[in-house]
């Protein structure tokens, strides 16, 4: 990750970095974040966050996802 700016942006979005390595594509990168975990430690409210040049550019999917959700 590009460092503090990306972590600060995730914090402002109300999510925690999921601990997964960021995927870099030129000047852009995708970072996985989550808002919590359930009783079995499965991620809740996870999402892929896109940053370009260290600035938040958007998400990979409109709604957040949960590991236990099917469909």
Protein backbone atom coordinates (compact mmCIF):
# COMPACT_ATOMS: atom_id res chain seq x y z
CA UNK A 1 0.00 0.00 0.00
CA UNK A 2 1.05 3.55 -0.46
CA UNK A 3 0.99 4.11 3.27
CA UNK A 4 -0.75 6.36 5.70
CA UNK A 5 -2.95 8.18 3.18
CA UNK A 6 -4.66 4.94 2.10
CA UNK A 7 -5.08 3.70 5.69
CA UNK A 8 -6.47 7.10 6.72
CA UNK A 9 -8.96 7.00 3.85
CA UNK A 10 -10.15 3.53 4.90
CA UNK A 11 -10.55 4.78 8.47
CA UNK A 12 -12.65 7.72 7.28
CA UNK A 13 -14.81 5.28 5.30
CA UNK A 14 -15.40 3.33 8.53
CA UNK A 15 -13.60 0.15 7.54
CA UNK A 16 -10.47 -1.72 8.61
CA UNK A 17 -7.79 -2.98 6.27
CA UNK A 18 -8.40 -6.72 5.83
CA UNK A 19 -4.69 -7.56 6.04
CA UNK A 20 -4.55 -8.75 2.45
CA UNK A 21 -1.79 -7.46 0.19
CA UNK A 22 -2.88 -4.61 -2.04
CA UNK A 23 -3.01 -5.30 -5.75
CA UNK A 24 -1.18 -2.65 -7.78
CA UNK A 25 -1.92 -1.75 -11.38
CA UNK A 26 0.28 1.11 -12.53
CA UNK A 27 -0.70 4.17 -10.45
CA UNK A 28 -3.80 2.40 -9.08
CA UNK A 29 -4.28 -0.17 -6.38
CA UNK A 30 -7.10 -2.21 -4.88
CA UNK A 31 -7.20 -2.67 -1.11
CA UNK A 32 -9.64 -5.00 0.67
CA UNK A 33 -11.33 -3.66 3.79
CA UNK A 34 -14.04 -4.84 6.16
CA UNK A 35 -16.34 -3.33 8.76
CA UNK A 36 -16.25 -6.30 11.15
CA UNK A 37 -16.37 -10.06 11.64
CA UNK A 38 -19.11 -12.47 12.74
CA UNK A 39 -18.98 -15.01 15.59
CA UNK A 40 -16.98 -17.40 13.40
CA UNK A 41 -14.46 -14.66 12.44
CA UNK A 42 -15.78 -14.44 8.89
CA UNK A 43 -15.54 -10.96 7.38
CA UNK A 44 -18.63 -8.74 7.41
CA UNK A 45 -19.14 -5.73 5.20
CA UNK A 46 -16.08 -6.35 3.07
CA UNK A 47 -15.36 -4.39 -0.06
CA UNK A 48 -12.58 -3.69 -2.54
CA UNK A 49 -11.51 -0.05 -2.40
CA UNK A 50 -9.79 1.50 -5.42
CA UNK A 51 -7.12 4.18 -5.01
CA UNK A 52 -5.41 6.07 -7.82
CA UNK A 53 -2.35 8.11 -6.98
CA UNK A 54 -3.05 7.52 -3.27
CA UNK A 55 -6.55 9.05 -3.50
CA UNK A 56 -9.83 7.17 -3.07
CA UNK A 57 -11.44 6.57 -6.49
CA UNK A 58 -14.34 4.23 -5.66
CA UNK A 59 -15.31 0.66 -4.81
CA UNK A 60 -15.38 -2.56 -6.82
CA UNK A 61 -19.06 -3.29 -6.14
CA UNK A 62 -21.96 -1.03 -5.08
CA UNK A 63 -23.01 -2.95 -1.91
CA UNK A 64 -20.72 -4.44 0.72
CA UNK A 65 -20.51 -8.22 0.98
CA UNK A 66 -20.45 -10.71 3.84
CA UNK A 67 -18.81 -14.14 3.87
CA UNK A 68 -21.99 -15.87 5.11
CA UNK A 69 -24.25 -14.30 2.45
CA UNK A 70 -25.23 -16.52 -0.43
CA UNK A 71 -26.51 -15.57 -3.84
